[in-house]
Amino acid sequence: MKPKRFSWFVRDISFYKKLILIALPMAGQSVISFGVGLVGNLMVAHLGEGSISGIYVANQIQGILHMFVMGLGAALVILAAQYFGRGDTRSVKTFTSFSIQLAVGVGAALFLLMTFFGRPILSLLSNSTPAIEEGLVYMSWLRWSFIIFAITHVMLAAMRCTGQVNVGIVASTTAFLVTIFFNYVFIYGNLGAPEMGVAGAALAILLARIVECVVVLTFVLRIDKKLKYRPKDLLLRNKTLSFDYFRYGLPVILGDITWGFGNTAKSAIIGRLGTSVIAASSIVGNFSQLFAIFVYGLASAGSLTVGQVIGKNDFETAKKYTKTLQVLYPCVGLISASVMFVMRSAVLSLPQFQELTSETMEFCFQFFTILCVTLVGTSYQMSTLQIVRAGGATHFVFINDLIFVWLVMIPMALLGLLVFDAPPWFIFFAIHCDQILKAFVAVVKVNRFRWMKNLTRTDQI
């Protein structure tokens, strides 16, 4: 009997159900999380391009913390998902405690840096005086949310390891609604509150982060029945697991930190191109994330599913899952990019953007078009490399990002800026070109399947 064509393609409907059940809540959480920042941008748009640019510059600092915490969360998911797959919740708790301690430490360090060295740090990211001044006002409130943000997102990663993703969307929805309400109150000075402008947008985010943290901790400590994490578990220690955490997790954390500093470097380059380019990059960047949310959700769902299967030593099933996902990822990316291309005019027609200059609007259209192209590459390479990372090849993904960010993307953008006096659209493309180039590396690496490794220990821990 001839083997079926495409025998590697998964036909088990439960696989797709599991992907959707994980991807949809995570996509929902992402769109709401991005919406928290987006609402602030929309509601301060009437204050002018200086305010939009100031928020953009200040958010690059938040972006560094975000990437570090996401790195901790990714390292936690990679290791803990495999342990949870074999039923070892104590080890999952231990990894969670490591991650919380590191996240709080970095959040505290960044808070101190922005408290004492805020102006010189923001001056590295832009030479626009209005952007720096407004950024400092925004940061005066935003910095208080750093530690709260760190705790919340590590705990959400821990819940993700156990397949409990709905708590994330509940917490993010609550934060989103709180942000809208307090933006209305503090930006415009309603309900008897002072009119705070940019500072009001940051205060709204701070209050939203506090409420979000309360929701997550309430679920973890009172409702969760799978992990049952408690405050006393913060004291859990294990030398063997500590070694594994830093052996396999450190490249993940460093990779995301590298990516975070790369984004900051990109912002510093954009910040040298003038207020119009900064404002356009901020607007397009926020909206493009919304169009890509299902790409990110499916990527996380795929890597988590493959990681759990590898934790059970079922490598053949992991291969089938990986091959099938390689078909799904670019299809989702192409659909998302097409929707973004069609909707870009509608987005830029919103009343909040009608006071932007014609130059800024032109940049917005150019940047949207570029991101429509790069999103297809992102959907494949980012998603497949997440699978590679979840399978244990954490060092490879770190080195790959290091090369493309610092030896390709940043030098190309700097040459365009400093040597060739390239137009803004070229520099914007240069700082996103890695999303296409890394796809060629990803397709070779993932299909060799040498990256699959069970990271759990079979001996007693």
Protein backbone atom coordinates (compact mmCIF):
# COMPACT_ATOMS: atom_id res chain seq x y z
CA MET A 1 0.00 0.00 0.00
CA LYS A 2 1.32 3.42 -0.94
CA PRO A 3 1.87 5.81 1.93
CA LYS A 4 -0.54 8.75 2.03
CA ARG A 5 0.62 11.95 0.46
CA PHE A 6 1.55 14.50 3.08
CA SER A 7 1.60 11.77 5.71
CA TRP A 8 3.56 14.15 7.91
CA PHE A 9 0.60 16.58 8.06
CA VAL A 10 -1.34 16.28 11.32
CA ARG A 11 -4.95 15.23 10.77
CA ASP A 12 -5.87 14.80 14.41
CA ILE A 13 -8.51 17.45 15.14
CA SER A 14 -7.52 17.57 18.82
CA PHE A 15 -4.15 19.08 17.82
CA TYR A 16 -5.86 22.02 16.13
CA LYS A 17 -8.34 22.39 18.99
CA LYS A 18 -5.47 22.63 21.45
CA LEU A 19 -3.69 25.21 19.29
CA ILE A 20 -6.81 27.34 19.02
CA LEU A 21 -7.64 27.04 22.72
CA ILE A 22 -4.17 28.35 23.55
CA ALA A 23 -3.66 30.75 20.64
CA LEU A 24 -6.98 32.62 20.84
CA PRO A 25 -6.73 33.65 24.51
CA MET A 26 -3.07 34.58 24.03
CA ALA A 27 -3.94 36.60 20.92
CA GLY A 28 -6.73 38.25 22.87
CA GLN A 29 -4.35 39.01 25.71
CA SER A 30 -1.84 40.47 23.25
CA VAL A 31 -4.35 42.72 21.53
CA ILE A 32 -5.58 44.03 24.86
CA SER A 33 -2.03 44.50 26.19
CA PHE A 34 -1.06 46.45 23.07
CA GLY A 35 -4.35 48.29 23.39
CA VAL A 36 -3.33 49.62 26.80
CA GLY A 37 -0.48 51.57 25.19
CA LEU A 38 -2.44 52.33 22.03
CA VAL A 39 -5.29 53.97 23.92
CA GLY A 40 -2.81 56.31 25.58
CA ASN A 41 -1.35 57.26 22.20
CA LEU A 42 -4.77 57.90 20.69
CA MET A 43 -5.96 59.97 23.63
CA VAL A 44 -2.87 62.21 23.68
CA ALA A 45 -2.75 62.59 19.88
CA HIS A 46 -4.59 65.90 20.14
CA LEU A 47 -1.72 67.27 22.25
CA GLY A 48 0.57 67.17 19.21
CA GLU A 49 3.42 65.19 17.67
CA GLY A 50 5.75 66.16 20.53
CA SER A 51 3.57 64.26 23.03
CA ILE A 52 3.31 61.20 20.76
CA SER A 53 7.08 61.25 20.27
CA GLY A 54 7.72 61.64 24.00
CA ILE A 55 5.62 58.58 24.82
CA TYR A 56 7.39 56.65 22.05
CA VAL A 57 10.85 57.52 23.40
CA ALA A 58 9.91 56.75 27.03
CA ASN A 59 8.33 53.45 26.04
CA GLN A 60 11.67 52.25 24.68
CA ILE A 61 12.85 52.00 28.29
CA GLN A 62 9.72 50.06 29.19
CA GLY A 63 10.55 47.96 26.12
CA ILE A 64 13.88 46.90 27.61
CA LEU A 65 12.15 45.67 30.77
CA HIS A 66 9.44 44.07 28.66
CA MET A 67 11.97 42.08 26.63
CA PHE A 68 13.86 41.00 29.76
CA VAL A 69 10.68 39.85 31.47
CA MET A 70 9.51 38.15 28.28
CA GLY A 71 12.90 36.42 28.16
CA LEU A 72 12.43 35.20 31.72
CA GLY A 73 8.93 34.06 30.84
CA ALA A 74 10.15 32.25 27.72
CA ALA A 75 12.93 30.52 29.68
CA LEU A 76 10.38 29.54 32.32
CA VAL A 77 7.97 28.16 29.71
CA ILE A 78 10.68 26.21 27.86
CA LEU A 79 11.83 24.38 30.98
CA ALA A 80 8.67 24.31 33.07
CA ALA A 81 6.40 23.17 30.22
CA GLN A 82 8.49 20.02 29.80
CA TYR A 83 8.47 19.32 33.55
CA PHE A 84 4.75 19.99 33.76
CA GLY A 85 4.28 17.62 30.84
CA ARG A 86 5.62 14.82 33.00
CA GLY A 87 3.70 15.95 36.12
CA ASP A 88 6.54 17.51 38.17
CA THR A 89 4.92 20.65 39.63
CA ARG A 90 7.53 21.19 42.36
CA SER A 91 10.21 21.82 39.73
CA VAL A 92 7.84 24.20 37.93
CA LYS A 93 7.42 26.15 41.19
CA THR A 94 11.19 26.29 41.65
CA PHE A 95 11.73 27.70 38.15
CA THR A 96 8.93 30.22 38.79
CA SER A 97 10.65 31.44 41.96
CA PHE A 98 13.97 31.93 40.13
CA SER A 99 12.19 33.97 37.48
CA ILE A 100 10.31 36.19 39.95
CA GLN A 101 13.48 37.03 41.88
CA LEU A 102 15.36 37.98 38.71
CA ALA A 103 12.44 40.00 37.33
CA VAL A 104 11.98 42.03 40.50
CA GLY A 105 15.73 42.72 40.66
CA VAL A 106 15.84 44.06 37.11
CA GLY A 107 12.64 46.08 37.57
CA ALA A 108 14.13 47.71 40.68
CA ALA A 109 17.43 48.46 38.91
CA LEU A 110 15.66 50.09 35.96
CA PHE A 111 13.50 52.13 38.35
CA LEU A 112 16.64 53.52 40.02
CA LEU A 113 18.31 54.28 36.68
CA MET A 114 15.32 56.26 35.42
CA THR A 115 14.97 58.05 38.76
CA PHE A 116 18.55 59.36 38.82
CA PHE A 117 19.64 59.32 35.17
CA GLY A 118 16.40 59.76 33.24
CA ARG A 119 17.41 62.77 31.14
CA PRO A 120 20.78 61.49 29.87
CA ILE A 121 19.25 58.09 29.08
CA LEU A 122 16.37 59.58 27.05
CA SER A 123 18.85 61.91 25.33
CA LEU A 124 20.56 58.83 23.93
CA LEU A 125 17.31 57.85 22.24
CA SER A 126 16.40 61.18 20.63
CA ASN A 127 17.82 64.61 19.90
CA SER A 128 14.33 66.13 19.81
CA THR A 129 13.92 68.44 22.81
CA PRO A 130 10.07 68.21 22.89
CA ALA A 131 10.25 64.41 22.76
CA ILE A 132 12.78 64.27 25.63
CA GLU A 133 10.84 66.72 27.82
CA GLU A 134 7.51 64.95 27.31
CA GLY A 135 9.24 61.59 27.76
CA LEU A 136 10.57 62.65 31.15
CA VAL A 137 7.11 63.71 32.28
CA TYR A 138 5.69 60.38 31.14
CA MET A 139 8.48 58.40 32.79
CA SER A 140 8.00 60.16 36.15
CA TRP A 141 4.88 58.02 36.60
CA LEU A 142 5.61 55.01 34.42
CA ARG A 143 8.74 53.95 36.36
CA TRP A 144 6.61 53.05 39.40
CA SER A 145 4.99 50.27 37.38
CA PHE A 146 8.23 48.40 36.55
CA ILE A 147 8.33 45.95 39.47
CA ILE A 148 4.57 45.39 39.34
CA PHE A 149 4.76 44.62 35.61
CA ALA A 150 7.63 42.17 36.19
CA ILE A 151 5.78 40.15 38.84
CA THR A 152 2.56 40.02 36.82
CA HIS A 153 4.12 38.70 33.63
CA VAL A 154 6.28 36.05 35.27
CA MET A 155 3.21 34.68 37.02
CA LEU A 156 1.29 34.71 33.73
CA ALA A 157 4.12 32.69 32.16
CA ALA A 158 3.89 30.18 35.01
CA MET A 159 0.17 29.79 34.39
CA ARG A 160 0.84 29.41 30.67
CA CYS A 161 3.08 26.41 31.42
CA THR A 162 0.08 24.65 32.91
CA GLY A 163 -2.18 25.55 29.97
CA GLN A 164 -4.12 28.19 31.93
CA VAL A 165 -4.11 31.06 29.48
CA ASN A 166 -7.55 32.54 30.19
CA VAL A 167 -6.33 34.35 33.31
CA GLY A 168 -4.14 36.45 31.03
CA ILE A 169 -7.02 37.69 28.94
CA VAL A 170 -9.13 38.44 32.04
CA ALA A 171 -6.28 40.43 33.59
CA SER A 172 -5.50 42.27 30.36
CA THR A 173 -9.16 43.10 29.72
CA THR A 174 -9.47 44.53 33.20
CA ALA A 175 -6.28 46.57 32.73
CA PHE A 176 -7.54 47.82 29.36
CA LEU A 177 -10.83 49.08 30.81
CA VAL A 178 -9.04 50.68 33.76
CA THR A 179 -6.67 52.43 31.35
CA ILE A 180 -9.49 53.86 29.26
CA PHE A 181 -11.31 55.16 32.34
CA PHE A 182 -8.28 56.80 33.96
CA ASN A 183 -7.04 58.20 30.64
CA TYR A 184 -10.40 59.91 30.33
CA VAL A 185 -10.09 61.19 33.89
CA PHE A 186 -6.47 62.34 34.02
CA ILE A 187 -5.47 63.27 30.45
CA TYR A 188 -8.43 65.60 29.99
CA GLY A 189 -9.12 66.49 33.65
CA ASN A 190 -12.60 65.01 33.97
CA LEU A 191 -14.64 64.13 37.08
CA GLY A 192 -12.90 66.85 39.07
CA ALA A 193 -9.35 65.53 38.41
CA PRO A 194 -6.54 67.85 37.23
CA GLU A 195 -5.76 67.94 33.49
CA MET A 196 -2.40 66.11 33.36
CA GLY A 197 -1.83 65.47 29.65
CA VAL A 198 1.04 63.05 29.03
CA ALA A 199 1.50 62.50 32.78
CA GLY A 200 -2.14 61.44 33.00
CA ALA A 201 -1.59 58.75 30.36
CA ALA A 202 1.31 57.33 32.38
CA LEU A 203 -0.65 57.48 35.65
CA ALA A 204 -3.49 55.57 33.97
CA ILE A 205 -1.06 52.82 32.93
CA LEU A 206 0.37 52.64 36.46
CA LEU A 207 -3.09 52.18 37.96
CA ALA A 208 -3.95 49.61 35.30
CA ARG A 209 -0.78 47.62 36.07
CA ILE A 210 -1.68 47.57 39.77
CA VAL A 211 -5.18 46.25 39.05
CA GLU A 212 -3.80 43.70 36.55
CA CYS A 213 -1.33 42.40 39.15
CA VAL A 214 -4.10 42.05 41.76
CA VAL A 215 -6.22 40.03 39.31
CA VAL A 216 -3.35 37.67 38.44
CA LEU A 217 -2.22 37.12 42.02
CA THR A 218 -5.82 36.49 43.11
CA PHE A 219 -6.10 33.75 40.48
CA VAL A 220 -2.71 32.23 41.33
CA LEU A 221 -3.23 32.19 45.09
CA ARG A 222 -6.98 31.52 45.32
CA ILE A 223 -8.27 29.83 42.17
CA ASP A 224 -5.50 27.88 40.44
CA LYS A 225 -5.67 24.14 41.19
CA LYS A 226 -2.93 22.91 38.84
CA LEU A 227 0.28 24.54 40.06
CA LYS A 228 -0.88 25.73 43.52
CA TYR A 229 1.92 28.27 43.86
CA ARG A 230 2.11 29.96 47.28
CA PRO A 231 4.28 32.77 48.76
CA LYS A 232 6.34 30.22 50.70
CA ASP A 233 7.41 28.72 47.35
CA LEU A 234 9.55 31.82 46.76
CA LEU A 235 12.05 30.16 49.11
CA LEU A 236 12.37 26.99 47.01
CA ARG A 237 15.98 26.23 46.08
CA ASN A 238 17.61 23.49 44.04
CA LYS A 239 21.20 23.55 42.77
CA THR A 240 20.52 21.12 39.95
CA LEU A 241 17.55 23.07 38.66
CA SER A 242 19.45 26.34 39.10
CA PHE A 243 22.19 24.96 36.88
CA ASP A 244 19.68 23.87 34.25
CA TYR A 245 17.86 27.20 34.44
CA PHE A 246 20.99 29.16 33.63
CA ARG A 247 22.34 26.57 31.19
CA TYR A 248 19.23 26.52 29.03
CA GLY A 249 17.43 29.65 30.18
CA LEU A 250 20.30 32.16 30.11
CA PRO A 251 20.63 32.11 26.30
CA VAL A 252 16.87 32.75 26.07
CA ILE A 253 17.06 35.66 28.51
CA LEU A 254 20.17 37.10 26.85
CA GLY A 255 18.55 36.65 23.45
CA ASP A 256 15.51 38.67 24.46
CA ILE A 257 17.71 41.28 26.17
CA THR A 258 19.77 41.51 22.97
CA TRP A 259 16.57 41.97 21.04
CA GLY A 260 15.39 44.59 23.54
CA PHE A 261 18.61 46.61 23.25
CA GLY A 262 18.41 46.16 19.50
CA ASN A 263 14.95 47.74 19.54
CA THR A 264 16.32 50.56 21.67
CA ALA A 265 19.14 51.08 19.16
CA LYS A 266 16.56 51.12 16.35
CA SER A 267 14.59 53.74 18.25
CA ALA A 268 17.74 55.83 18.74
CA ILE A 269 18.30 55.75 14.97
CA ILE A 270 14.67 56.69 14.28
CA GLY A 271 15.01 59.39 16.95
CA ARG A 272 17.65 61.13 14.79
CA LEU A 273 15.26 61.52 11.86
CA GLY A 274 12.97 64.18 13.32
CA THR A 275 9.65 64.46 15.12
CA SER A 276 7.56 63.49 12.06
CA VAL A 277 9.40 60.19 11.60
CA ILE A 278 9.27 59.43 15.33
CA ALA A 279 5.52 60.07 15.44
CA ALA A 280 4.91 57.98 12.29
CA SER A 281 7.01 55.10 13.64
CA SER A 282 5.10 55.21 16.94
CA ILE A 283 1.66 55.19 15.28
CA VAL A 284 2.49 52.46 12.75
CA GLY A 285 4.35 50.37 15.32
CA ASN A 286 1.39 50.29 17.69
CA PHE A 287 -1.21 49.46 15.07
CA SER A 288 0.94 46.87 13.27
CA GLN A 289 1.19 44.91 16.53
CA LEU A 290 -2.59 44.65 16.60
CA PHE A 291 -2.70 43.18 13.10
CA ALA A 292 -0.03 40.63 14.06
CA ILE A 293 -1.58 39.39 17.29
CA PHE A 294 -2.73 36.02 15.98
CA VAL A 295 0.74 35.42 14.54
CA TYR A 296 2.16 35.84 18.05
CA GLY A 297 -0.60 33.81 19.66
CA LEU A 298 -0.15 30.87 17.27
CA ALA A 299 3.64 31.01 17.68
CA SER A 300 3.35 30.70 21.47
CA ALA A 301 0.73 27.96 21.20
CA GLY A 302 2.88 25.97 18.76
CA SER A 303 6.08 26.17 20.80
CA LEU A 304 4.25 25.27 24.04
CA THR A 305 2.54 22.27 22.40
CA VAL A 306 5.76 20.95 20.85
CA GLY A 307 7.68 21.52 24.10
CA GLN A 308 5.20 19.49 26.13
CA VAL A 309 5.37 16.60 23.62
CA ILE A 310 9.20 16.62 23.73
CA GLY A 311 9.00 16.53 27.54
CA LYS A 312 7.23 13.16 27.12
CA ASN A 313 10.01 11.93 24.77
CA ASP A 314 7.55 11.66 21.87
CA PHE A 315 9.91 13.00 19.23
CA GLU A 316 8.06 11.59 16.21
CA THR A 317 4.89 13.44 17.15
CA ALA A 318 6.97 16.57 17.74
CA LYS A 319 8.32 16.30 14.18
CA LYS A 320 4.83 15.99 12.70
CA TYR A 321 3.61 18.93 14.73
CA THR A 322 6.58 21.04 13.60
CA LYS A 323 6.11 20.25 9.90
CA THR A 324 2.41 21.03 10.09
CA LEU A 325 3.01 24.31 11.89
CA GLN A 326 5.44 25.37 9.17
CA VAL A 327 2.50 25.37 6.77
CA LEU A 328 0.15 27.18 9.13
CA TYR A 329 2.53 29.97 10.16
CA PRO A 330 3.13 31.69 6.77
CA CYS A 331 -0.56 31.31 5.86
CA VAL A 332 -1.58 33.19 9.00
CA GLY A 333 1.14 35.76 8.33
CA LEU A 334 -0.01 36.35 4.76
CA ILE A 335 -3.62 36.81 5.85
CA SER A 336 -2.61 39.19 8.65
CA ALA A 337 -0.38 41.23 6.30
CA SER A 338 -3.16 41.46 3.70
CA VAL A 339 -5.65 42.72 6.30
CA MET A 340 -3.14 45.31 7.53
CA PHE A 341 -2.48 46.53 3.98
CA VAL A 342 -6.19 46.90 3.23
CA MET A 343 -6.95 48.59 6.58
CA ARG A 344 -4.02 51.04 6.68
CA SER A 345 -6.02 53.88 5.06
CA ALA A 346 -8.91 53.37 7.47
CA VAL A 347 -6.54 53.46 10.46
CA LEU A 348 -4.90 56.69 9.33
CA SER A 349 -8.33 58.24 8.68
CA LEU A 350 -9.20 58.13 12.40
CA PRO A 351 -10.14 61.59 13.75
CA GLN A 352 -7.26 61.50 16.23
CA PHE A 353 -4.72 61.62 13.37
CA GLN A 354 -6.23 64.43 11.32
CA GLU A 355 -4.00 67.04 12.95
CA LEU A 356 -0.82 65.25 11.82
CA THR A 357 1.24 66.96 9.13
CA SER A 358 1.12 65.70 5.54
CA GLU A 359 4.77 64.64 5.89
CA THR A 360 3.97 62.47 8.91
CA MET A 361 1.03 60.88 7.11
CA GLU A 362 3.22 60.06 4.12
CA PHE A 363 5.74 58.36 6.41
CA CYS A 364 2.90 56.40 8.02
CA PHE A 365 1.78 54.98 4.65
CA GLN A 366 5.36 54.07 3.72
CA PHE A 367 6.04 52.36 7.05
CA PHE A 368 2.78 50.41 6.96
CA THR A 369 3.66 49.06 3.50
CA ILE A 370 7.09 47.93 4.67
CA LEU A 371 5.66 46.13 7.70
CA CYS A 372 3.10 44.35 5.52
CA VAL A 373 6.04 42.72 3.72
CA THR A 374 8.13 41.92 6.78
CA LEU A 375 5.17 40.48 8.71
CA VAL A 376 5.08 37.45 6.40
CA GLY A 377 8.73 36.75 7.23
CA THR A 378 8.07 37.31 10.92
CA SER A 379 5.22 34.83 10.95
CA TYR A 380 7.50 32.04 9.72
CA GLN A 381 10.92 32.69 11.22
CA MET A 382 9.82 33.95 14.64
CA SER A 383 7.36 31.11 15.09
CA THR A 384 9.63 28.29 13.91
CA LEU A 385 12.59 29.58 15.92
CA GLN A 386 10.35 29.64 19.00
CA ILE A 387 9.78 25.92 18.40
CA VAL A 388 13.54 25.37 18.05
CA ARG A 389 14.05 27.24 21.32
CA ALA A 390 11.29 25.27 23.07
CA GLY A 391 12.96 22.08 21.85
CA GLY A 392 16.19 22.90 23.68
CA ALA A 393 18.37 24.72 21.11
CA THR A 394 18.39 27.93 23.13
CA HIS A 395 22.00 28.82 22.30
CA PHE A 396 21.38 28.74 18.56
CA VAL A 397 18.49 31.21 18.69
CA PHE A 398 20.52 33.57 20.87
CA ILE A 399 23.50 33.56 18.50
CA ASN A 400 21.22 33.92 15.48
CA ASP A 401 19.55 37.01 16.96
CA LEU A 402 22.92 38.44 18.00
CA ILE A 403 24.27 38.17 14.45
CA PHE A 404 21.25 39.56 12.65
CA VAL A 405 20.61 42.43 15.08
CA TRP A 406 24.14 43.70 15.61
CA LEU A 407 25.96 42.61 12.45
CA VAL A 408 23.24 43.10 9.83
CA MET A 409 20.27 45.22 10.89
CA ILE A 410 21.88 47.99 12.98
CA PRO A 411 24.97 48.46 10.72
CA MET A 412 22.75 48.63 7.63
CA ALA A 413 20.58 51.31 9.24
CA LEU A 414 23.59 53.30 10.48
CA LEU A 415 25.19 53.24 7.03
CA GLY A 416 21.95 54.53 5.55
CA LEU A 417 21.72 57.27 8.18
CA LEU A 418 25.32 58.43 8.52
CA VAL A 419 26.99 57.60 5.21
CA PHE A 420 24.42 57.55 2.42
CA ASP A 421 21.88 60.01 3.84
CA ALA A 422 19.16 57.51 2.91
CA PRO A 423 15.46 58.45 3.03
CA PRO A 424 13.50 57.49 6.18
CA TRP A 425 11.65 54.64 4.41
CA PHE A 426 14.96 52.89 3.62
CA ILE A 427 16.21 53.22 7.20
CA PHE A 428 12.86 51.92 8.47
CA PHE A 429 13.18 48.93 6.14
CA ALA A 430 16.79 48.36 7.27
CA ILE A 431 15.76 48.06 10.92
CA HIS A 432 13.17 45.42 9.99
CA CYS A 433 15.01 43.52 7.23
CA ASP A 434 16.09 40.77 9.64
CA GLN A 435 12.48 39.55 9.76
CA ILE A 436 12.85 38.37 6.17
CA LEU A 437 16.50 37.29 6.24
CA LYS A 438 16.11 35.08 9.33
CA ALA A 439 13.45 33.02 7.53
CA PHE A 440 16.16 31.46 5.35
CA VAL A 441 18.09 30.36 8.44
CA ALA A 442 14.94 29.14 10.17
CA VAL A 443 13.84 26.84 7.35
CA VAL A 444 17.20 25.03 7.36
CA LYS A 445 17.59 24.78 11.13
CA VAL A 446 14.09 23.62 11.99
CA ASN A 447 13.96 20.88 9.34
CA ARG A 448 17.19 19.23 10.45
CA PHE A 449 15.47 18.31 13.75
CA ARG A 450 18.78 18.17 15.64
CA TRP A 451 17.41 20.72 18.07
CA MET A 452 14.97 18.36 19.83
CA LYS A 453 16.13 17.68 23.35
CA ASN A 454 14.29 16.61 26.48
CA LEU A 455 15.49 19.12 29.10
CA THR A 456 13.89 17.37 32.08
CA ARG A 457 15.92 15.24 34.44
CA THR A 458 14.85 11.67 34.98
CA ASP A 459 16.79 11.36 38.24
CA GLN A 460 15.21 12.42 41.52
CA ILE A 461 15.47 16.16 42.06
